[in-house]
Amino acid sequence: MTRPQKQGNSQPRWLFPFVVTVIFCLSVLPLGRLAATGIMSAFRGGASELLSDPGLWRSVYDTLSTSFFGMIAAVVLGGGFALLLTLFDIRGKALLGFLFMLPTMIPPQVTALAWIGMTGPSSALLKAIGLAPPLGSPQPLYSIGGIALLYGVQNAALVYLSLRAGLLALPRDAVEAARLSGASSFQVLKDVILPLSLPGLAAGAAIAFVSCVGNFGIPAILGIPAGIYTLPTLIYSKFAAFGPRTFADISVLSGLIAILSVIGLMVEARVLRGRDYRVIGLSGQVAVFRLGAWRWLAELLLWLTIFLILAMPLIALVASSLAPAYGVPLSPATVTTKAYEEILFRQAATRIAFTNSLSLSLATAFGLLVVTVLTGYFLVRSKSRLVGLISALAEIPYALPGIVLAVAFILLFAAPIPVIGISIYGTIWIILIAYFSSFFAVSLKPVVSAFRQLDPSLEEAARLSGAGFARRLVDILVPLVAPAAGASVILVFLIACNELTVSALLWSAGTQTLGVLIYNLDDSGSFNIAAALSVLVVIMVIAMMVVLELMAKRLPKGVVPWRS
C-alpha cells in the first residue's frame, strides 16, 4: 500500500511542507532575525551613534572604491578572455578556460598571501632572482589599488562565465546575415555581437561587484595592516572588540552591505532598462573569427596573463613556504621543508583545522544532497504557484555576502534555542547550519538541472504500476541524477573546505577551519607556515577541479562552471 498522494500529482503530500520548512529554517528565519534586529536598533536610536561615526563612512567609501575598481579589473580580464576564447580561433581553449577559473576557486586569503609573496621587499622569490625592491620599500598591495587588483583577479572568472554564456546564445543567422551584407569581422563584432552580449557583460559586472563588496579574506590580509577597513573587516573588528552594542552595530553594518549589494544589482537593471535583447533564430556557437597572423600574439597574451595571475603567485607561494622565515632569500642553502613538517606533524591546531574543515565539508555536501534531491524534485515537478518564490528564497543566502549570513546566525543562536534550552553558539554546529544555508543553492543547481533533463514518463509508468514515491526515488530518480549529485557533492565540498567569510565570525576555540587557520597564522606573523598550508589547500582545489573535469561529459550542461 502506497502513501496518499495529491490527486493528479506524483508527489507525496509531505513533500511541500518539508521543502517549505527547509527554506524557512535556512533562509527566512536567519535573515528575518537579522532584519528585525537592525530595524529595532534603528527605532531605539542605537543606529544614530554608529551612523554618525566618520570611521563608518570611511569604510563605506573604501568598500565602494575597492569594489568598483575591482569590478572594472574583473570586466577587463574576464571580458577579454570570454571574447577571445569564444569568438576567435584560439588553440587550447579548454585548458585556458580551466586555468582561468582557478583563481576564483582558490580561497581569497590564499590569493592574498600568494601575491604578497610575489611582491614587495620581503618576497623570497624576488630576492632569489635579484629583483626585490630595497628593504624599507612599502608593500604595494597594502593599498586601495592592491585590494582592487586582487578583487579583479579573484572575480574575473565570474564575468568570463556570464559573458561567455551570452556569447554562446547569440543567433548564428544574425552573424551570417551581417557577413553576407558585406560587413567586416570588426563591424560584425562591434554592431551585432557586442550590443547583444551586453546583458551577459552587465550581469557579470554586477555579480563581480557584489562579490567584491562581501569579500573578507583579501581586505583582511591586505587592508587591516594599512588601516583600510571595508565593511566586512569593520564587522570583524567590532565583533573582536565585543561590547554591549556589538549585536546592534553589526546588524546595521550587515544591512549596509546588503543594501550596497542590492544597489549593484539595481544598477545592472538600470543599464539594461529600455533595451530589447531578445534574439530570433538559431542560437549556439557563434561563427569563429579567424585571427590569421595575429593568432600567435593573442595566444601569447592569454598565456602571459595566466602566468601573471596564476603561475607566478603560486610559484611565489611555494617559494615562501620553503623559506625558513618571511623575508629570507630562497637559495639552495636556505630552502627547508620545516613549515610543512610543522603543519603535518607538530601543530595540533593544524590537525584540528583539517579535521573540522573536512568533517564540516563532507557533512554539508552529503547532508545537503539529501535535502536538495527532494527540493529539486519538488521545484521541477510541482505545479504550485509558490515554486518561483521558493526557488528565489533558496538562492538568497548564497547571493548575500558570507559575513552577512554569519551575523544572521549569530543573532539567531546567541541565546539558547527556545523550548529545548540548548545553545549551539560557539560550537561547530552553528558553523554547520550556516554552511547548509550558504551552500544550499550550490548543491541545488546541479540536481535541478538533472531533474529537468529526465523524461517524466519513466516515473509516471512506475507510478501507474503501483510504485510508491520512495520506490521510484530509489530505483529510478536517484540513479538517473547520480552524476549530477556527485558533481554537487564535489562542488559543495570544494567551496566549503576553503571557506573563510562565514566561519571567521562563527569559530571559537577548537572549531577553527582551514580558512580561519591560514588567516590566523598570517596575522600572528607565521607567514611561511601560512604559505605552506595554503600550498596544500591549492593542491586539494586543483585535484577536486580535475575530478570535476573528468566527470564533465556525464553531467548536465551548466553543472561544471568552466564547461560550456
Protein backbone atom coordinates (compact mmCIF):
# COMPACT_ATOMS: atom_id res chain seq x y z
CA MET A 1 0.00 0.00 0.00
CA THR A 2 1.44 3.38 -1.01
CA ARG A 3 1.18 6.61 0.92
CA PRO A 4 -1.52 9.11 -0.07
CA GLN A 5 -0.59 11.47 -2.85
CA LYS A 6 -2.19 14.55 -4.27
CA GLN A 7 -4.69 13.82 -6.99
CA GLY A 8 -3.07 14.07 -10.42
CA ASN A 9 0.37 14.65 -8.90
CA SER A 10 3.21 12.19 -8.36
CA GLN A 11 4.43 14.00 -5.25
CA PRO A 12 3.66 12.78 -1.73
CA ARG A 13 1.67 15.13 0.49
CA TRP A 14 4.54 15.64 2.93
CA LEU A 15 6.96 16.96 0.31
CA PHE A 16 5.57 20.52 0.09
CA PRO A 17 5.65 21.17 3.86
CA PHE A 18 9.12 19.59 4.01
CA VAL A 19 10.50 21.96 1.36
CA VAL A 20 8.81 24.99 2.93
CA THR A 21 10.25 24.09 6.35
CA VAL A 22 13.77 23.73 4.91
CA ILE A 23 13.57 27.10 3.15
CA PHE A 24 12.13 28.75 6.25
CA CYS A 25 14.91 27.43 8.52
CA LEU A 26 17.81 28.07 6.14
CA SER A 27 16.75 31.38 4.61
CA VAL A 28 13.69 33.15 6.02
CA LEU A 29 14.36 32.66 9.76
CA PRO A 30 18.02 33.82 9.98
CA LEU A 31 17.61 36.72 7.55
CA GLY A 32 14.36 37.74 9.20
CA ARG A 33 16.13 37.78 12.58
CA LEU A 34 18.87 39.96 11.12
CA ALA A 35 16.37 42.39 9.62
CA ALA A 36 14.37 42.56 12.86
CA THR A 37 17.48 43.33 14.93
CA GLY A 38 18.54 46.10 12.55
CA ILE A 39 15.06 47.66 12.49
CA MET A 40 14.73 47.54 16.30
CA SER A 41 18.16 49.14 16.69
CA ALA A 42 17.13 51.94 14.32
CA PHE A 43 13.84 52.60 16.15
CA ARG A 44 15.58 52.70 19.54
CA GLY A 45 18.06 55.26 18.25
CA GLY A 46 21.01 52.90 18.61
CA ALA A 47 21.90 53.25 14.96
CA SER A 48 22.34 57.03 15.12
CA GLU A 49 25.64 56.85 17.03
CA LEU A 50 27.03 54.30 14.58
CA LEU A 51 25.82 56.24 11.54
CA SER A 52 27.39 59.45 12.84
CA ASP A 53 30.81 57.79 13.17
CA PRO A 54 33.20 59.11 10.45
CA GLY A 55 35.02 55.75 10.54
CA LEU A 56 31.88 54.03 9.25
CA TRP A 57 31.59 56.28 6.21
CA ARG A 58 35.29 55.92 5.54
CA SER A 59 34.69 52.15 5.47
CA VAL A 60 31.74 52.61 3.13
CA TYR A 61 33.94 54.70 0.84
CA ASP A 62 36.74 52.10 0.93
CA THR A 63 34.20 49.34 0.26
CA LEU A 64 32.72 51.15 -2.73
CA SER A 65 36.05 52.24 -4.21
CA THR A 66 37.75 48.84 -3.92
CA SER A 67 34.63 47.07 -5.21
CA PHE A 68 34.18 49.45 -8.15
CA PHE A 69 37.78 49.28 -9.31
CA GLY A 70 37.83 45.54 -8.63
CA MET A 71 34.76 45.20 -10.83
CA ILE A 72 36.48 47.18 -13.61
CA ALA A 73 39.55 44.92 -13.39
CA ALA A 74 37.32 41.83 -13.46
CA VAL A 75 35.44 43.11 -16.52
CA VAL A 76 38.67 43.83 -18.40
CA LEU A 77 40.21 40.44 -17.55
CA GLY A 78 37.08 38.28 -17.73
CA GLY A 79 35.58 40.10 -20.71
CA GLY A 80 38.79 39.85 -22.70
CA PHE A 81 39.13 36.14 -22.03
CA ALA A 82 35.47 35.49 -22.87
CA LEU A 83 35.67 37.29 -26.20
CA LEU A 84 38.95 35.70 -27.28
CA LEU A 85 38.13 32.14 -26.19
CA THR A 86 34.55 32.20 -27.51
CA LEU A 87 34.75 34.12 -30.78
CA PHE A 88 38.26 33.55 -32.12
CA ASP A 89 40.26 30.55 -33.32
CA ILE A 90 42.46 30.29 -30.25
CA ARG A 91 44.18 26.95 -29.65
CA GLY A 92 43.97 25.23 -26.25
CA LYS A 93 40.65 26.86 -25.30
CA ALA A 94 39.63 24.15 -22.81
CA LEU A 95 42.91 24.33 -20.90
CA LEU A 96 42.95 28.13 -20.91
CA GLY A 97 39.37 28.25 -19.60
CA PHE A 98 40.16 25.71 -16.87
CA LEU A 99 43.25 27.62 -15.73
CA PHE A 100 41.40 30.95 -15.84
CA MET A 101 38.82 29.53 -13.40
CA LEU A 102 41.43 28.52 -10.83
CA PRO A 103 41.93 31.93 -9.14
CA THR A 104 38.19 32.07 -8.41
CA MET A 105 38.19 28.60 -6.85
CA ILE A 106 41.27 29.33 -4.72
CA PRO A 107 40.31 30.91 -1.36
CA PRO A 108 40.74 34.71 -1.31
CA GLN A 109 43.07 34.65 1.70
CA VAL A 110 45.35 32.23 -0.18
CA THR A 111 45.28 34.54 -3.20
CA ALA A 112 46.31 37.46 -0.98
CA LEU A 113 49.17 35.50 0.60
CA ALA A 114 50.41 34.35 -2.82
CA TRP A 115 50.51 37.90 -4.17
CA ILE A 116 52.22 39.20 -1.03
CA GLY A 117 54.86 36.54 -1.57
CA MET A 118 55.28 37.74 -5.16
CA THR A 119 55.66 41.48 -4.46
CA GLY A 120 57.36 43.80 -2.04
CA PRO A 121 60.83 43.93 -0.50
CA SER A 122 60.38 40.72 1.55
CA SER A 123 59.44 38.45 -1.36
CA ALA A 124 61.52 35.26 -1.17
CA LEU A 125 61.01 34.73 -4.90
CA LEU A 126 62.07 38.25 -5.94
CA LYS A 127 65.08 38.09 -3.65
CA ALA A 128 66.09 34.75 -5.16
CA ILE A 129 66.17 36.25 -8.67
CA GLY A 130 67.58 39.61 -7.59
CA LEU A 131 64.51 41.72 -8.41
CA ALA A 132 63.30 42.57 -4.89
CA PRO A 133 62.82 46.28 -4.10
CA PRO A 134 65.17 47.78 -1.47
CA LEU A 135 64.44 46.97 2.16
CA GLY A 136 62.10 49.53 3.66
CA SER A 137 60.12 49.93 0.44
CA PRO A 138 56.35 49.81 1.00
CA GLN A 139 54.36 46.70 0.13
CA PRO A 140 52.33 47.97 -2.88
CA LEU A 141 49.43 45.62 -2.22
CA TYR A 142 48.66 47.21 1.16
CA SER A 143 46.51 49.83 -0.55
CA ILE A 144 43.15 50.50 -2.17
CA GLY A 145 44.69 49.68 -5.56
CA GLY A 146 46.20 46.42 -4.29
CA ILE A 147 42.89 45.23 -2.85
CA ALA A 148 41.04 46.21 -6.05
CA LEU A 149 43.60 44.38 -8.21
CA LEU A 150 43.17 41.14 -6.30
CA TYR A 151 39.38 41.58 -6.34
CA GLY A 152 39.65 41.73 -10.12
CA VAL A 153 41.80 38.60 -10.32
CA GLN A 154 39.51 36.73 -7.90
CA ASN A 155 36.27 37.64 -9.69
CA ALA A 156 37.33 37.83 -13.35
CA ALA A 157 36.03 34.30 -13.95
CA LEU A 158 32.52 35.41 -12.88
CA VAL A 159 32.48 37.95 -15.71
CA TYR A 160 34.02 35.37 -18.06
CA LEU A 161 31.28 32.80 -17.34
CA SER A 162 28.43 35.30 -17.63
CA LEU A 163 29.64 36.90 -20.86
CA ARG A 164 30.60 33.56 -22.41
CA ALA A 165 27.11 32.19 -21.75
CA GLY A 166 25.64 35.20 -23.56
CA LEU A 167 28.03 34.86 -26.49
CA LEU A 168 27.20 31.18 -26.92
CA ALA A 169 23.49 32.03 -27.07
CA LEU A 170 23.84 34.57 -29.88
CA PRO A 171 21.87 33.87 -33.08
CA ARG A 172 24.05 32.35 -35.77
CA ASP A 173 21.81 33.65 -38.55
CA ALA A 174 22.26 37.29 -37.44
CA VAL A 175 26.04 36.92 -37.67
CA GLU A 176 25.81 35.24 -41.05
CA ALA A 177 23.37 37.86 -42.36
CA ALA A 178 25.75 40.65 -41.40
CA ARG A 179 28.63 38.89 -43.13
CA LEU A 180 26.59 38.29 -46.30
CA SER A 181 25.76 42.01 -46.31
CA GLY A 182 29.45 42.76 -46.65
CA ALA A 183 30.22 43.67 -43.03
CA SER A 184 33.80 43.12 -41.96
CA SER A 185 34.64 40.99 -38.95
CA PHE A 186 35.24 44.12 -36.89
CA GLN A 187 31.83 45.56 -37.90
CA VAL A 188 30.09 42.28 -37.02
CA LEU A 189 31.80 42.30 -33.65
CA LYS A 190 31.02 45.99 -32.98
CA ASP A 191 27.49 46.27 -34.38
CA VAL A 192 26.00 42.80 -33.79
CA ILE A 193 27.85 40.72 -31.22
CA LEU A 194 28.86 43.29 -28.59
CA PRO A 195 25.43 45.01 -28.33
CA LEU A 196 23.67 41.65 -28.00
CA SER A 197 26.18 40.42 -25.41
CA LEU A 198 25.71 43.48 -23.14
CA PRO A 199 23.26 41.67 -20.80
CA GLY A 200 25.83 38.97 -20.06
CA LEU A 201 28.56 41.55 -19.50
CA ALA A 202 26.34 43.67 -17.23
CA ALA A 203 25.26 40.61 -15.24
CA GLY A 204 28.86 39.52 -14.82
CA ALA A 205 29.90 43.00 -13.71
CA ALA A 206 27.08 43.15 -11.16
CA ILE A 207 27.95 39.72 -9.76
CA ALA A 208 31.62 40.72 -9.53
CA PHE A 209 30.71 43.95 -7.70
CA VAL A 210 28.52 42.11 -5.19
CA SER A 211 31.26 39.53 -4.63
CA CYS A 212 33.80 42.32 -4.02
CA VAL A 213 31.51 44.04 -1.51
CA GLY A 214 31.23 40.86 0.58
CA ASN A 215 34.86 39.70 0.27
CA PHE A 216 36.59 39.29 3.63
CA GLY A 217 39.84 37.38 3.01
CA ILE A 218 41.55 39.87 0.68
CA PRO A 219 40.82 43.14 2.60
CA ALA A 220 41.54 41.39 5.92
CA ILE A 221 45.08 40.44 4.85
CA LEU A 222 45.86 43.49 2.67
CA GLY A 223 43.70 46.21 4.22
CA ILE A 224 43.93 45.84 8.00
CA PRO A 225 47.76 46.24 8.12
CA ALA A 226 47.35 49.51 6.18
CA GLY A 227 44.41 50.76 8.27
CA ILE A 228 41.96 50.20 5.39
CA TYR A 229 38.67 48.76 6.62
CA THR A 230 35.92 47.62 4.30
CA LEU A 231 32.51 46.86 5.82
CA PRO A 232 33.19 43.09 6.24
CA THR A 233 36.51 43.75 8.05
CA LEU A 234 34.85 46.50 10.12
CA ILE A 235 32.25 43.97 11.26
CA TYR A 236 35.06 41.56 12.14
CA SER A 237 36.93 44.21 14.16
CA LYS A 238 33.79 45.25 16.04
CA PHE A 239 32.99 41.64 16.83
CA ALA A 240 36.56 41.08 18.07
CA ALA A 241 36.17 44.07 20.43
CA PHE A 242 32.89 42.69 21.80
CA GLY A 243 30.77 45.18 23.76
CA PRO A 244 27.16 45.82 24.81
CA ARG A 245 26.25 47.37 21.44
CA THR A 246 28.02 44.81 19.26
CA PHE A 247 24.98 42.88 18.05
CA ALA A 248 23.05 46.04 17.18
CA ASP A 249 26.04 47.55 15.37
CA ILE A 250 26.93 44.51 13.31
CA SER A 251 23.30 44.04 12.30
CA VAL A 252 23.21 47.61 10.95
CA LEU A 253 26.56 47.12 9.19
CA SER A 254 25.31 43.88 7.66
CA GLY A 255 22.25 45.75 6.42
CA LEU A 256 24.54 48.30 4.75
CA ILE A 257 26.44 45.51 2.99
CA ALA A 258 23.15 44.01 1.78
CA ILE A 259 21.99 47.45 0.56
CA LEU A 260 25.22 48.00 -1.38
CA SER A 261 24.84 44.56 -2.94
CA VAL A 262 21.25 45.30 -3.96
CA ILE A 263 22.32 48.70 -5.39
CA GLY A 264 24.87 46.91 -7.56
CA LEU A 265 22.17 44.64 -8.96
CA MET A 266 19.80 47.60 -9.44
CA VAL A 267 22.43 49.48 -11.44
CA GLU A 268 22.68 46.43 -13.70
CA ALA A 269 18.91 46.50 -14.19
CA ARG A 270 19.05 50.24 -14.90
CA VAL A 271 21.72 49.74 -17.57
CA LEU A 272 19.56 47.20 -19.35
CA ARG A 273 16.24 49.02 -18.92
CA GLY A 274 14.52 50.04 -22.13
CA ARG A 275 16.67 47.80 -24.30
CA ASP A 276 15.26 44.76 -26.05
CA TYR A 277 17.80 41.94 -26.26
CA ARG A 278 15.56 39.16 -27.50
CA VAL A 279 17.11 37.14 -30.27
CA ILE A 280 15.32 35.38 -33.07
CA GLY A 281 16.73 32.39 -34.85
CA LEU A 282 19.06 29.55 -34.03
CA SER A 283 21.45 30.14 -31.16
CA GLY A 284 24.60 28.29 -30.31
CA GLN A 285 28.29 28.52 -31.02
CA VAL A 286 28.80 31.71 -32.98
CA ALA A 287 30.94 31.64 -36.07
CA VAL A 288 34.63 31.83 -35.20
CA PHE A 289 36.62 34.84 -36.34
CA ARG A 290 39.97 33.90 -37.74
CA LEU A 291 42.91 35.91 -36.42
CA GLY A 292 45.32 34.82 -39.11
CA ALA A 293 48.82 36.09 -38.45
CA TRP A 294 47.65 37.76 -35.21
CA ARG A 295 46.70 34.46 -33.58
CA TRP A 296 50.12 33.81 -32.07
CA LEU A 297 50.08 37.28 -30.47
CA ALA A 298 46.61 36.73 -28.97
CA GLU A 299 47.62 33.32 -27.63
CA LEU A 300 50.82 34.77 -26.19
CA LEU A 301 48.78 37.48 -24.45
CA LEU A 302 46.38 34.90 -22.97
CA TRP A 303 49.14 32.61 -21.71
CA LEU A 304 51.10 35.57 -20.35
CA THR A 305 48.02 36.65 -18.41
CA ILE A 306 47.60 33.15 -16.98
CA PHE A 307 51.28 33.20 -15.99
CA LEU A 308 50.95 36.58 -14.25
CA ILE A 309 47.67 35.99 -12.38
CA LEU A 310 48.07 32.29 -11.59
CA ALA A 311 51.51 30.72 -12.15
CA MET A 312 53.68 33.50 -10.73
CA PRO A 313 51.68 33.93 -7.49
CA LEU A 314 51.62 30.16 -6.92
CA ILE A 315 55.37 29.89 -7.56
CA ALA A 316 55.87 32.72 -5.07
CA LEU A 317 53.63 30.94 -2.56
CA VAL A 318 55.69 27.75 -2.85
CA ALA A 319 58.91 29.78 -2.53
CA SER A 320 57.57 31.46 0.64
CA SER A 321 56.66 28.08 2.12
CA LEU A 322 60.18 26.76 1.52
CA ALA A 323 61.95 29.78 3.01
CA PRO A 324 62.92 29.47 6.71
CA ALA A 325 61.18 32.78 7.54
CA TYR A 326 59.41 35.66 5.85
CA GLY A 327 61.89 37.92 4.09
CA VAL A 328 64.73 35.38 3.93
CA PRO A 329 66.02 34.89 0.35
CA LEU A 330 65.37 31.44 -1.09
CA SER A 331 68.53 29.61 -2.15
CA PRO A 332 69.86 26.03 -2.11
CA ALA A 333 71.39 26.82 1.27
CA THR A 334 68.18 28.20 2.86
CA VAL A 335 65.48 26.01 1.35
CA THR A 336 63.69 23.96 4.00
CA THR A 337 60.54 21.89 4.43
CA LYS A 338 60.19 22.70 8.13
CA ALA A 339 56.97 24.62 7.52
CA TYR A 340 55.34 21.51 6.03
CA GLU A 341 56.69 19.34 8.86
CA GLU A 342 55.26 21.83 11.34
CA ILE A 343 51.84 21.69 9.70
CA LEU A 344 51.62 17.95 9.13
CA PHE A 345 53.30 16.54 12.20
CA ARG A 346 53.71 19.07 15.00
CA GLN A 347 50.92 21.63 15.20
CA ALA A 348 47.78 20.36 16.90
CA ALA A 349 45.88 23.41 15.61
CA THR A 350 46.53 22.28 12.02
CA ARG A 351 45.18 18.79 12.67
CA ILE A 352 42.10 20.27 14.34
CA ALA A 353 41.54 22.66 11.43
CA PHE A 354 41.93 19.88 8.85
CA THR A 355 39.54 17.66 10.81
CA ASN A 356 36.99 20.43 11.24
CA SER A 357 37.11 21.56 7.60
CA LEU A 358 36.93 18.04 6.19
CA SER A 359 34.13 16.93 8.52
CA LEU A 360 32.14 20.14 8.03
CA SER A 361 32.56 19.98 4.25
CA LEU A 362 31.61 16.31 4.00
CA ALA A 363 28.63 16.74 6.34
CA THR A 364 27.47 19.80 4.39
CA ALA A 365 27.93 18.17 0.97
CA PHE A 366 26.17 14.89 1.77
CA GLY A 367 23.62 16.38 4.18
CA LEU A 368 22.55 18.97 1.64
CA LEU A 369 22.36 16.33 -1.07
CA VAL A 370 19.55 14.54 0.75
CA VAL A 371 17.66 17.81 1.11
CA THR A 372 18.32 19.13 -2.39
CA VAL A 373 17.29 15.91 -4.16
CA LEU A 374 13.84 16.24 -2.59
CA THR A 375 13.73 20.02 -3.09
CA GLY A 376 14.93 19.76 -6.69
CA TYR A 377 12.29 17.15 -7.45
CA PHE A 378 9.60 19.41 -5.98
CA LEU A 379 10.76 22.51 -7.91
CA VAL A 380 10.80 20.65 -11.26
CA ARG A 381 7.67 18.51 -10.89
CA SER A 382 5.38 20.77 -8.85
CA LYS A 383 2.79 23.00 -10.48
CA SER A 384 2.45 25.18 -7.39
CA ARG A 385 2.48 28.96 -7.84
CA LEU A 386 4.98 29.16 -4.98
CA VAL A 387 7.75 27.40 -6.92
CA GLY A 388 9.26 30.69 -8.12
CA LEU A 389 9.22 32.20 -4.62
CA ILE A 390 10.75 29.08 -3.05
CA SER A 391 13.46 28.98 -5.69
CA ALA A 392 14.31 32.66 -5.09
CA LEU A 393 14.42 32.20 -1.30
CA ALA A 394 16.79 29.27 -1.76
CA GLU A 395 19.17 31.48 -3.78
CA ILE A 396 19.24 34.48 -1.43
CA PRO A 397 21.65 33.15 1.27
CA TYR A 398 24.28 32.25 -1.34
CA ALA A 399 23.81 35.58 -3.13
CA LEU A 400 24.36 37.56 0.08
CA PRO A 401 27.91 38.16 1.35
CA GLY A 402 29.01 35.44 3.77
CA ILE A 403 29.69 37.94 6.54
CA VAL A 404 26.01 38.97 6.47
CA LEU A 405 24.90 35.35 6.77
CA ALA A 406 27.30 34.76 9.66
CA VAL A 407 25.86 37.75 11.55
CA ALA A 408 22.33 36.46 10.92
CA PHE A 409 23.15 33.10 12.52
CA ILE A 410 24.96 34.75 15.43
CA LEU A 411 21.83 36.77 16.16
CA LEU A 412 19.63 33.71 15.73
CA PHE A 413 21.60 31.44 18.06
CA ALA A 414 23.20 33.91 20.50
CA ALA A 415 20.63 32.79 23.07
CA PRO A 416 19.69 29.16 23.80
CA ILE A 417 17.19 27.59 21.42
CA PRO A 418 13.65 28.07 22.78
CA VAL A 419 11.80 25.10 24.29
CA ILE A 420 14.81 22.74 24.35
CA GLY A 421 17.09 25.32 26.04
CA ILE A 422 20.27 24.17 24.24
CA SER A 423 22.81 26.70 22.96
CA ILE A 424 24.86 25.94 19.85
CA TYR A 425 26.58 29.34 19.77
CA GLY A 426 30.34 28.85 19.92
CA THR A 427 30.09 25.21 18.81
CA ILE A 428 30.82 23.58 15.48
CA TRP A 429 27.08 23.05 14.94
CA ILE A 430 26.39 26.73 14.26
CA ILE A 431 29.05 26.67 11.51
CA LEU A 432 27.46 23.54 10.01
CA ILE A 433 23.98 25.11 9.92
CA ALA A 434 25.39 28.31 8.41
CA TYR A 435 27.14 26.20 5.75
CA PHE A 436 23.85 24.46 4.99
CA SER A 437 22.24 27.84 4.42
CA SER A 438 25.13 29.36 2.46
CA PHE A 439 25.73 26.43 0.09
CA PHE A 440 22.16 25.21 -0.35
CA ALA A 441 21.89 26.88 -3.78
CA VAL A 442 25.25 25.41 -4.88
CA SER A 443 24.02 21.90 -4.10
CA LEU A 444 20.57 22.51 -5.58
CA LYS A 445 21.55 23.80 -9.04
CA PRO A 446 23.13 20.59 -10.48
CA VAL A 447 20.29 18.46 -9.12
CA VAL A 448 17.60 20.72 -10.61
CA SER A 449 19.43 20.66 -13.97
CA ALA A 450 19.45 16.86 -13.88
CA PHE A 451 15.75 16.57 -13.00
CA ARG A 452 14.82 18.91 -15.84
CA GLN A 453 16.51 16.58 -18.33
CA LEU A 454 14.64 13.48 -17.13
CA ASP A 455 11.70 12.17 -19.10
CA PRO A 456 8.68 12.23 -16.71
CA SER A 457 7.17 9.23 -18.49
CA LEU A 458 9.63 6.87 -16.78
CA GLU A 459 8.45 7.84 -13.34
CA GLU A 460 4.81 8.01 -14.45
CA ALA A 461 4.97 4.45 -15.74
CA ALA A 462 6.35 3.28 -12.41
CA ARG A 463 3.65 5.19 -10.52
CA LEU A 464 0.88 3.65 -12.63
CA SER A 465 2.41 0.25 -11.88
CA GLY A 466 1.90 0.88 -8.17
CA ALA A 467 5.40 2.02 -7.15
CA GLY A 468 5.34 4.45 -4.26
CA PHE A 469 7.40 7.62 -4.11
CA ALA A 470 10.21 6.04 -2.08
CA ARG A 471 10.48 3.14 -4.54
CA ARG A 472 10.52 5.46 -7.54
CA LEU A 473 13.12 7.66 -5.85
CA VAL A 474 15.47 4.75 -5.10
CA ASP A 475 15.02 2.72 -8.30
CA ILE A 476 14.55 5.42 -10.96
CA LEU A 477 15.24 9.01 -9.94
CA VAL A 478 18.39 8.72 -7.82
CA PRO A 479 20.30 6.51 -10.32
CA LEU A 480 19.47 8.90 -13.16
CA VAL A 481 20.56 12.05 -11.29
CA ALA A 482 23.57 10.35 -9.66
CA PRO A 483 26.23 12.03 -11.87
CA ALA A 484 24.83 15.49 -11.13
CA ALA A 485 24.51 14.56 -7.46
CA GLY A 486 28.18 13.56 -7.44
CA ALA A 487 29.14 16.90 -9.00
CA SER A 488 27.01 18.66 -6.39
CA VAL A 489 28.89 16.91 -3.59
CA ILE A 490 32.28 17.83 -5.07
CA LEU A 491 31.34 21.48 -5.69
CA VAL A 492 29.99 21.99 -2.17
CA PHE A 493 32.97 20.18 -0.63
CA LEU A 494 35.41 22.24 -2.67
CA ILE A 495 33.85 25.59 -1.69
CA ALA A 496 33.11 24.73 1.94
CA CYS A 497 36.51 23.24 2.69
CA ASN A 498 38.27 26.53 1.94
CA GLU A 499 35.61 28.91 3.25
CA LEU A 500 36.63 31.82 5.48
CA THR A 501 33.99 34.57 5.38
CA VAL A 502 31.23 32.68 7.23
CA SER A 503 33.44 30.87 9.72
CA ALA A 504 35.56 33.99 10.51
CA LEU A 505 32.81 35.18 12.88
CA LEU A 506 31.43 31.81 13.97
CA TRP A 507 34.55 29.91 15.03
CA SER A 508 35.73 29.55 18.61
CA ALA A 509 38.48 27.58 20.35
CA GLY A 510 38.57 24.08 18.87
CA THR A 511 36.29 24.87 15.92
CA GLN A 512 38.69 26.77 13.65
CA THR A 513 38.65 25.79 9.98
CA LEU A 514 41.43 25.82 7.39
CA GLY A 515 40.44 29.26 6.13
CA VAL A 516 40.46 30.69 9.65
CA LEU A 517 43.78 29.00 10.48
CA ILE A 518 45.52 30.42 7.39
CA TYR A 519 44.34 33.91 8.32
CA ASN A 520 45.36 33.50 11.97
CA LEU A 521 48.81 32.14 11.05
CA ASP A 522 49.48 35.14 8.81
CA ASP A 523 48.08 37.53 11.42
CA SER A 524 50.45 36.09 14.05
CA GLY A 525 53.50 36.52 11.80
CA SER A 526 53.93 32.87 10.74
CA PHE A 527 53.87 33.74 7.03
CA ASN A 528 55.90 30.71 5.86
CA ILE A 529 53.67 28.28 7.75
CA ALA A 530 50.54 30.00 6.39
CA ALA A 531 52.08 29.75 2.90
CA ALA A 532 52.79 26.02 3.33
CA LEU A 533 49.22 25.36 4.45
CA SER A 534 47.98 27.43 1.51
CA VAL A 535 50.02 25.32 -0.92
CA LEU A 536 48.33 22.17 0.42
CA VAL A 537 44.92 23.83 0.03
CA VAL A 538 45.69 24.80 -3.59
CA ILE A 539 46.75 21.21 -4.37
CA MET A 540 43.43 19.99 -2.95
CA VAL A 541 41.47 22.57 -5.00
CA ILE A 542 43.23 21.57 -8.24
CA ALA A 543 42.66 17.87 -7.55
CA MET A 544 38.93 18.38 -6.98
CA MET A 545 38.62 20.52 -10.11
CA VAL A 546 40.38 17.83 -12.16
CA VAL A 547 37.90 15.25 -10.85
CA LEU A 548 35.02 17.51 -11.93
CA GLU A 549 36.64 17.98 -15.34
CA LEU A 550 36.87 14.21 -15.80
CA MET A 551 33.19 13.87 -14.88
CA ALA A 552 32.08 16.74 -17.14
CA LYS A 553 30.96 14.66 -20.13
CA ARG A 554 28.48 12.71 -17.97
CA LEU A 555 26.96 15.78 -16.33
CA PRO A 556 24.08 18.06 -17.38
CA LYS A 557 25.02 21.28 -19.12
CA GLY A 558 25.99 24.05 -16.72
CA VAL A 559 26.94 21.83 -13.78
CA VAL A 560 30.70 22.27 -14.27
CA PRO A 561 31.11 26.07 -14.29
CA TRP A 562 34.03 26.35 -16.72
CA ARG A 563 32.44 23.99 -19.27
CA SER A 564 30.18 25.38 -21.99
